[in-house]
Structures are given as structure tokens and as C-alpha cells.
């Protein structure tokens, strides 16, 4: 004879699920019988980005044209031209491998330099001037001259 597929544990779990459903149904009916909730019906956002239950004053509204909104980095003005030549110090240079690193004196950033970007021969601790160019792994020093 075949054994029954329902075990005691399965029956108990099903009873617990049915009890939960019944409790949930009772709570739902109690809320419905109680009436509307006392919470905020509408939420407004004030000038500071906070939620409130009072609508904002229409007199405080500011008209903004879509053309005035700038997306991305703002364009540089003509008077803001930045000098591309930077000054730094060679922290490491291996002439046999043809690469090294230069530390910018202005912001102490380390930049990679390759022998192809050198105008003069350099060695460690030399003061140099250079320009920056975007490389595959970050900014590279190019047009490197000893001072």
C-alpha cells in the first residue's frame, strides 16, 4: 500500500498559512470599517526639498527657461585660459626602459612620462617643465624639458 503524501509537518504549515491569511483579512476589514486614514493625503515639496502637507506659495515660483539650463561642464570664458605648461620634479626615471614618473609641484600629482615625450635627457631629481596629455591609463607628461 502506498504511503500518504501529506505529512504532519505539511499539514501544520498549511494551517499556519491559513491562519495568517485569516488575520490579514481581519485587519483589512477593520481598516476599511474604521474609515479613511489620518495621514497626509497629498505631499508637497517645499523650497528646501522637504516634504510638507501644505502646498507651496505660488508667488515664490521662479520662471526658468530651458535654454538657461547648462548640462555638463560649463564652457571656459576667453579670459580663463589656463597655462598648459606645468612644472615638476622627476621622482623616478629608468633610462634603460625609457619611462619614469614626474611629480607636479602645484598639486603633488604623479604623472607617467615615456621617452617618446621627452625633449631633453632627464634624470632623477631634475626640475622639469611639461604638458599633460590623456593616455590609456590616465594623464601622461609630454614635451618634457629640463629647467
Protein backbone atom coordinates (compact mmCIF):
# COMPACT_ATOMS: atom_id res chain seq x y z
CA UNK A 1 0.00 0.00 0.00
CA UNK A 2 1.16 3.48 -0.83
CA UNK A 3 2.06 5.88 1.90
CA UNK A 4 0.08 9.12 2.25
CA UNK A 5 1.80 12.10 0.66
CA UNK A 6 0.67 14.52 3.34
CA UNK A 7 2.80 14.53 6.44
CA UNK A 8 2.15 16.09 9.80
CA UNK A 9 4.63 18.91 9.06
CA UNK A 10 2.90 19.80 5.76
CA UNK A 11 -0.49 19.93 7.45
CA UNK A 12 0.85 22.21 10.22
CA UNK A 13 2.45 24.59 7.69
CA UNK A 14 -0.79 24.83 5.72
CA UNK A 15 -2.73 25.57 8.93
CA UNK A 16 -0.25 28.35 9.79
CA UNK A 17 -0.62 29.87 6.29
CA UNK A 18 -4.41 29.76 6.53
CA UNK A 19 -4.30 31.40 9.97
CA UNK A 20 -2.05 34.20 8.63
CA UNK A 21 -4.39 34.79 5.68
CA UNK A 22 -7.34 34.99 8.05
CA UNK A 23 -5.56 37.50 10.34
CA UNK A 24 -4.61 39.62 7.35
CA UNK A 25 -8.19 39.58 6.10
CA UNK A 26 -9.49 40.65 9.54
CA UNK A 27 -7.01 43.57 9.73
CA UNK A 28 -8.00 44.70 6.24
CA UNK A 29 -11.72 44.66 7.15
CA UNK A 30 -11.01 46.55 10.40
CA UNK A 31 -9.15 49.29 8.49
CA UNK A 32 -11.99 49.52 5.97
CA UNK A 33 -14.61 49.79 8.74
CA UNK A 34 -12.54 52.41 10.58
CA UNK A 35 -12.71 54.81 7.65
CA UNK A 36 -10.02 56.90 5.95
CA UNK A 37 -6.56 57.23 7.37
CA UNK A 38 -5.43 60.33 9.24
CA UNK A 39 -2.15 60.51 7.29
CA UNK A 40 -1.15 63.10 4.72
CA UNK A 41 -3.42 62.90 1.69
CA UNK A 42 -1.04 64.86 -0.56
CA UNK A 43 2.63 65.53 -0.04
CA UNK A 44 4.22 68.72 -1.34
CA UNK A 45 7.88 69.60 -1.63
CA UNK A 46 8.91 72.98 -0.23
CA UNK A 47 11.73 75.24 -1.47
CA UNK A 48 14.29 73.35 0.62
CA UNK A 49 13.31 69.88 -0.68
CA UNK A 50 11.40 68.83 2.46
CA UNK A 51 8.00 67.13 2.32
CA UNK A 52 5.08 69.03 3.82
CA UNK A 53 1.28 68.83 3.85
CA UNK A 54 0.77 72.49 2.81
CA UNK A 55 1.07 73.49 -0.83
CA UNK A 56 3.88 75.92 -1.75
CA UNK A 57 3.14 79.61 -2.25
CA UNK A 58 2.70 80.31 -5.98
CA UNK A 59 4.21 83.80 -5.51
CA UNK A 60 7.59 82.20 -4.70
CA UNK A 61 7.69 80.37 -8.04
CA UNK A 62 10.67 81.22 -10.28
CA UNK A 63 10.38 81.04 -14.08
CA UNK A 64 13.31 79.17 -15.67
CA UNK A 65 13.91 78.95 -19.43
CA UNK A 66 15.06 75.59 -20.77
CA UNK A 67 17.88 77.30 -22.71
CA UNK A 68 19.35 78.67 -19.45
CA UNK A 69 19.96 75.20 -18.04
CA UNK A 70 23.56 74.08 -18.63
CA UNK A 71 24.17 70.35 -18.83
CA UNK A 72 27.73 69.13 -18.35
CA UNK A 73 30.84 71.21 -17.81
CA UNK A 74 30.35 74.93 -18.49
CA UNK A 75 32.40 76.34 -21.33
CA UNK A 76 35.51 78.32 -20.39
CA UNK A 77 35.41 82.01 -20.99
CA UNK A 78 38.10 83.70 -23.07
CA UNK A 79 39.85 85.26 -20.05
CA UNK A 80 40.13 81.93 -18.20
CA UNK A 81 42.78 80.39 -20.48
CA UNK A 82 44.92 78.05 -18.37
CA UNK A 83 48.65 77.76 -18.98
CA UNK A 84 49.25 74.22 -20.26
CA UNK A 85 52.92 74.22 -19.21
CA UNK A 86 53.42 72.79 -15.72
CA UNK A 87 56.47 72.46 -13.53
CA UNK A 88 57.56 69.41 -11.62
CA UNK A 89 60.34 67.18 -10.36
CA UNK A 90 61.40 63.77 -11.71
CA UNK A 91 60.76 61.25 -8.93
CA UNK A 92 61.85 58.17 -10.89
CA UNK A 93 63.33 57.60 -14.34
CA UNK A 94 64.78 54.42 -15.82
CA UNK A 95 66.70 55.31 -18.99
CA UNK A 96 67.23 51.63 -19.94
CA UNK A 97 63.46 51.02 -20.02
CA UNK A 98 62.56 54.53 -21.21
CA UNK A 99 59.92 55.59 -18.71
CA UNK A 100 59.55 57.39 -15.41
CA UNK A 101 57.32 59.50 -13.20
CA UNK A 102 57.13 63.24 -12.61
CA UNK A 103 55.58 64.87 -9.53
CA UNK A 104 53.74 68.12 -10.25
CA UNK A 105 54.89 70.87 -7.83
CA UNK A 106 51.48 72.55 -7.89
CA UNK A 107 49.23 69.68 -6.80
CA UNK A 108 51.72 66.84 -5.96
CA UNK A 109 50.14 64.51 -8.54
CA UNK A 110 52.32 61.81 -10.11
CA UNK A 111 52.33 61.63 -13.91
CA UNK A 112 53.78 58.94 -16.13
CA UNK A 113 56.32 60.01 -18.77
CA UNK A 114 57.73 57.99 -21.66
CA UNK A 115 60.96 58.53 -23.58
CA UNK A 116 58.87 59.44 -26.66
CA UNK A 117 57.55 62.52 -24.78
CA UNK A 118 60.98 63.87 -23.79
CA UNK A 119 62.62 66.89 -25.42
CA UNK A 120 65.77 66.77 -23.22
CA UNK A 121 67.53 63.97 -21.39
CA UNK A 122 66.35 63.76 -17.79
CA UNK A 123 67.47 62.03 -14.59
CA UNK A 124 66.02 61.60 -11.12
CA UNK A 125 65.52 64.79 -9.04
CA UNK A 126 65.70 67.06 -12.14
CA UNK A 127 63.33 70.03 -12.22
CA UNK A 128 61.34 69.93 -15.44
CA UNK A 129 58.52 71.63 -17.33
CA UNK A 130 55.91 69.51 -19.08
CA UNK A 131 52.43 69.42 -20.57
CA UNK A 132 49.70 66.88 -19.86
CA UNK A 133 48.04 64.59 -22.35
CA UNK A 134 45.39 61.93 -21.75
CA UNK A 135 46.80 58.43 -22.12
CA UNK A 136 45.24 54.98 -21.94
CA UNK A 137 45.57 54.72 -18.13
CA UNK A 138 45.40 58.39 -17.14
CA UNK A 139 47.29 61.61 -17.69
CA UNK A 140 50.80 61.44 -19.19
CA UNK A 141 53.55 64.06 -19.15
CA UNK A 142 54.66 65.09 -22.67
CA UNK A 143 57.01 67.75 -24.06
CA UNK A 144 59.23 67.30 -21.01
CA UNK A 145 62.13 69.83 -20.79
CA UNK A 146 64.77 70.14 -18.12
CA UNK A 147 64.85 73.56 -16.41
